[in-house]
Amino acid sequence: MKFAEIFNQLKELEKKFNEVKYPPETAFQPSFSSKIRKAGQDILNHHLPALEIDELLKKVEQ
């Protein structure tokens, strides 16, 4: 087996593992996906800090 074939098989396995961990965007409703993309753009456009979930929940509780 050539290195290129091994590499291609590893790439395919990686895609399969990622789909198990992170479902493809098509699995979500289009409106949900667009809201997520818009939120990401808003963060970049307004230079808002990116928060981890725990940090976000603490700020919401305050």
N, C-alpha and C. Protein backbone atom coordinates (compact mmCIF):
# COMPACT_ATOMS: atom_id res chain seq x y z
N MET A 1 0.86 -1.18 0.00
CA MET A 1 0.00 0.00 0.00
C MET A 1 0.90 1.24 0.00
N LYS A 2 0.58 2.19 -0.84
CA LYS A 2 1.37 3.41 -0.95
C LYS A 2 0.98 4.39 0.15
N PHE A 3 1.92 5.29 0.44
CA PHE A 3 1.64 6.30 1.45
C PHE A 3 0.43 7.16 1.10
N ALA A 4 0.27 7.47 -0.18
CA ALA A 4 -0.87 8.29 -0.61
C ALA A 4 -2.19 7.59 -0.32
N GLU A 5 -2.23 6.27 -0.53
CA GLU A 5 -3.46 5.52 -0.25
C GLU A 5 -3.75 5.50 1.25
N ILE A 6 -2.70 5.30 2.04
CA ILE A 6 -2.86 5.31 3.50
C ILE A 6 -3.35 6.67 3.96
N PHE A 7 -2.75 7.71 3.43
CA PHE A 7 -3.13 9.07 3.80
C PHE A 7 -4.59 9.34 3.45
N ASN A 8 -5.01 8.92 2.26
CA ASN A 8 -6.40 9.12 1.85
C ASN A 8 -7.37 8.36 2.75
N GLN A 9 -7.00 7.14 3.13
CA GLN A 9 -7.85 6.37 4.02
C GLN A 9 -7.95 7.03 5.40
N LEU A 10 -6.83 7.58 5.88
CA LEU A 10 -6.85 8.29 7.16
C LEU A 10 -7.74 9.53 7.09
N LYS A 11 -7.70 10.23 5.97
CA LYS A 11 -8.55 11.41 5.80
C LYS A 11 -10.03 11.02 5.84
N GLU A 12 -10.37 9.92 5.19
CA GLU A 12 -11.75 9.44 5.19
C GLU A 12 -12.20 9.05 6.60
N LEU A 13 -11.32 8.38 7.34
CA LEU A 13 -11.65 8.01 8.72
C LEU A 13 -11.84 9.26 9.59
N GLU A 14 -11.00 10.25 9.38
CA GLU A 14 -11.13 11.50 10.13
C GLU A 14 -12.48 12.16 9.87
N LYS A 15 -12.91 12.18 8.61
CA LYS A 15 -14.21 12.74 8.27
C LYS A 15 -15.33 12.00 8.98
N LYS A 16 -15.24 10.67 9.00
CA LYS A 16 -16.28 9.88 9.66
C LYS A 16 -16.31 10.14 11.16
N PHE A 17 -15.14 10.24 11.79
CA PHE A 17 -15.09 10.52 13.22
C PHE A 17 -15.64 11.90 13.52
N ASN A 18 -15.32 12.88 12.69
CA ASN A 18 -15.81 14.23 12.90
C ASN A 18 -17.32 14.30 12.76
N GLU A 19 -17.89 13.53 11.85
CA GLU A 19 -19.34 13.52 11.68
C GLU A 19 -20.03 12.91 12.89
N VAL A 20 -19.36 11.96 13.53
CA VAL A 20 -19.93 11.37 14.74
C VAL A 20 -19.91 12.39 15.87
N LYS A 21 -18.80 13.11 16.00
CA LYS A 21 -18.68 14.10 17.07
C LYS A 21 -19.47 15.36 16.75
N TYR A 22 -19.39 15.83 15.52
CA TYR A 22 -20.04 17.06 15.10
C TYR A 22 -20.92 16.75 13.89
N PRO A 23 -22.23 16.77 14.06
CA PRO A 23 -23.07 16.46 12.91
C PRO A 23 -22.90 17.51 11.80
N PRO A 24 -23.09 17.10 10.56
CA PRO A 24 -22.94 18.07 9.47
C PRO A 24 -23.97 19.19 9.60
N GLU A 25 -23.62 20.33 9.07
CA GLU A 25 -24.48 21.51 9.18
C GLU A 25 -25.86 21.25 8.59
N THR A 26 -25.95 20.37 7.62
CA THR A 26 -27.23 20.07 6.99
C THR A 26 -28.19 19.36 7.95
N ALA A 27 -27.68 18.84 9.07
CA ALA A 27 -28.54 18.18 10.05
C ALA A 27 -29.37 19.18 10.84
N PHE A 28 -28.98 20.44 10.83
CA PHE A 28 -29.71 21.48 11.55
C PHE A 28 -30.69 22.18 10.63
N GLN A 29 -31.69 22.79 11.21
CA GLN A 29 -32.63 23.56 10.41
C GLN A 29 -31.88 24.76 9.82
N PRO A 30 -32.21 25.16 8.59
CA PRO A 30 -31.51 26.28 7.95
C PRO A 30 -31.56 27.55 8.78
N SER A 31 -32.67 27.82 9.45
CA SER A 31 -32.77 29.05 10.23
C SER A 31 -31.78 29.02 11.40
N PHE A 32 -31.59 27.86 12.01
CA PHE A 32 -30.65 27.74 13.12
C PHE A 32 -29.22 27.96 12.64
N SER A 33 -28.87 27.33 11.52
CA SER A 33 -27.52 27.47 10.98
C SER A 33 -27.23 28.92 10.61
N SER A 34 -28.21 29.60 10.03
CA SER A 34 -27.98 31.00 9.64
C SER A 34 -27.83 31.89 10.87
N LYS A 35 -28.56 31.58 11.95
CA LYS A 35 -28.42 32.36 13.19
C LYS A 35 -27.02 32.18 13.78
N ILE A 36 -26.51 30.96 13.74
CA ILE A 36 -25.16 30.70 14.26
C ILE A 36 -24.12 31.45 13.43
N ARG A 37 -24.25 31.39 12.10
CA ARG A 37 -23.30 32.12 11.24
C ARG A 37 -23.39 33.62 11.48
N LYS A 38 -24.60 34.15 11.63
CA LYS A 38 -24.78 35.58 11.87
C LYS A 38 -24.17 35.99 13.22
N ALA A 39 -24.36 35.15 14.24
CA ALA A 39 -23.78 35.45 15.54
C ALA A 39 -22.25 35.49 15.45
N GLY A 40 -21.68 34.57 14.73
CA GLY A 40 -20.23 34.56 14.55
C GLY A 40 -19.74 35.81 13.83
N GLN A 41 -20.48 36.24 12.81
CA GLN A 41 -20.11 37.46 12.09
C GLN A 41 -20.25 38.69 12.99
N ASP A 42 -21.31 38.73 13.80
CA ASP A 42 -21.51 39.86 14.71
C ASP A 42 -20.35 39.97 15.69
N ILE A 43 -19.89 38.82 16.19
CA ILE A 43 -18.75 38.84 17.12
C ILE A 43 -17.53 39.43 16.44
N LEU A 44 -17.28 39.01 15.21
CA LEU A 44 -16.11 39.53 14.49
C LEU A 44 -16.27 41.01 14.14
N ASN A 45 -17.47 41.41 13.69
CA ASN A 45 -17.69 42.78 13.27
C ASN A 45 -17.66 43.78 14.42
N HIS A 46 -18.13 43.36 15.58
CA HIS A 46 -18.21 44.27 16.73
C HIS A 46 -17.08 44.04 17.72
N HIS A 47 -16.12 43.19 17.36
CA HIS A 47 -14.96 42.90 18.20
C HIS A 47 -15.37 42.48 19.60
N LEU A 48 -16.39 41.64 19.67
CA LEU A 48 -16.84 41.13 20.96
C LEU A 48 -15.96 39.95 21.37
N PRO A 49 -15.74 39.79 22.66
CA PRO A 49 -14.91 38.67 23.08
C PRO A 49 -15.65 37.33 22.91
N ALA A 50 -14.92 36.33 22.53
CA ALA A 50 -15.49 34.98 22.44
C ALA A 50 -15.45 34.38 23.82
N LEU A 51 -16.58 33.85 24.28
CA LEU A 51 -16.66 33.31 25.63
C LEU A 51 -16.85 31.79 25.57
N GLU A 52 -16.31 31.13 26.55
CA GLU A 52 -16.59 29.72 26.73
C GLU A 52 -17.99 29.61 27.32
N ILE A 53 -18.60 28.45 27.23
CA ILE A 53 -19.96 28.25 27.74
C ILE A 53 -20.06 28.59 29.22
N ASP A 54 -19.09 28.13 30.03
CA ASP A 54 -19.13 28.41 31.47
C ASP A 54 -19.08 29.90 31.74
N GLU A 55 -18.22 30.62 31.00
CA GLU A 55 -18.13 32.07 31.19
C GLU A 55 -19.44 32.75 30.80
N LEU A 56 -20.02 32.30 29.70
CA LEU A 56 -21.27 32.88 29.23
C LEU A 56 -22.38 32.69 30.26
N LEU A 57 -22.48 31.48 30.82
CA LEU A 57 -23.53 31.21 31.80
C LEU A 57 -23.33 32.06 33.06
N LYS A 58 -22.09 32.25 33.47
CA LYS A 58 -21.82 33.10 34.64
C LYS A 58 -22.27 34.53 34.37
N LYS A 59 -21.98 35.04 33.16
CA LYS A 59 -22.36 36.41 32.83
C LYS A 59 -23.88 36.55 32.76
N VAL A 60 -24.56 35.53 32.25
CA VAL A 60 -26.02 35.57 32.16
C VAL A 60 -26.62 35.57 33.57
N GLU A 61 -26.04 34.81 34.48
CA GLU A 61 -26.55 34.73 35.85
C GLU A 61 -26.37 36.03 36.61
N GLN A 62 -25.40 36.85 36.23
CA GLN A 62 -25.13 38.11 36.95
C GLN A 62 -26.21 39.14 36.72
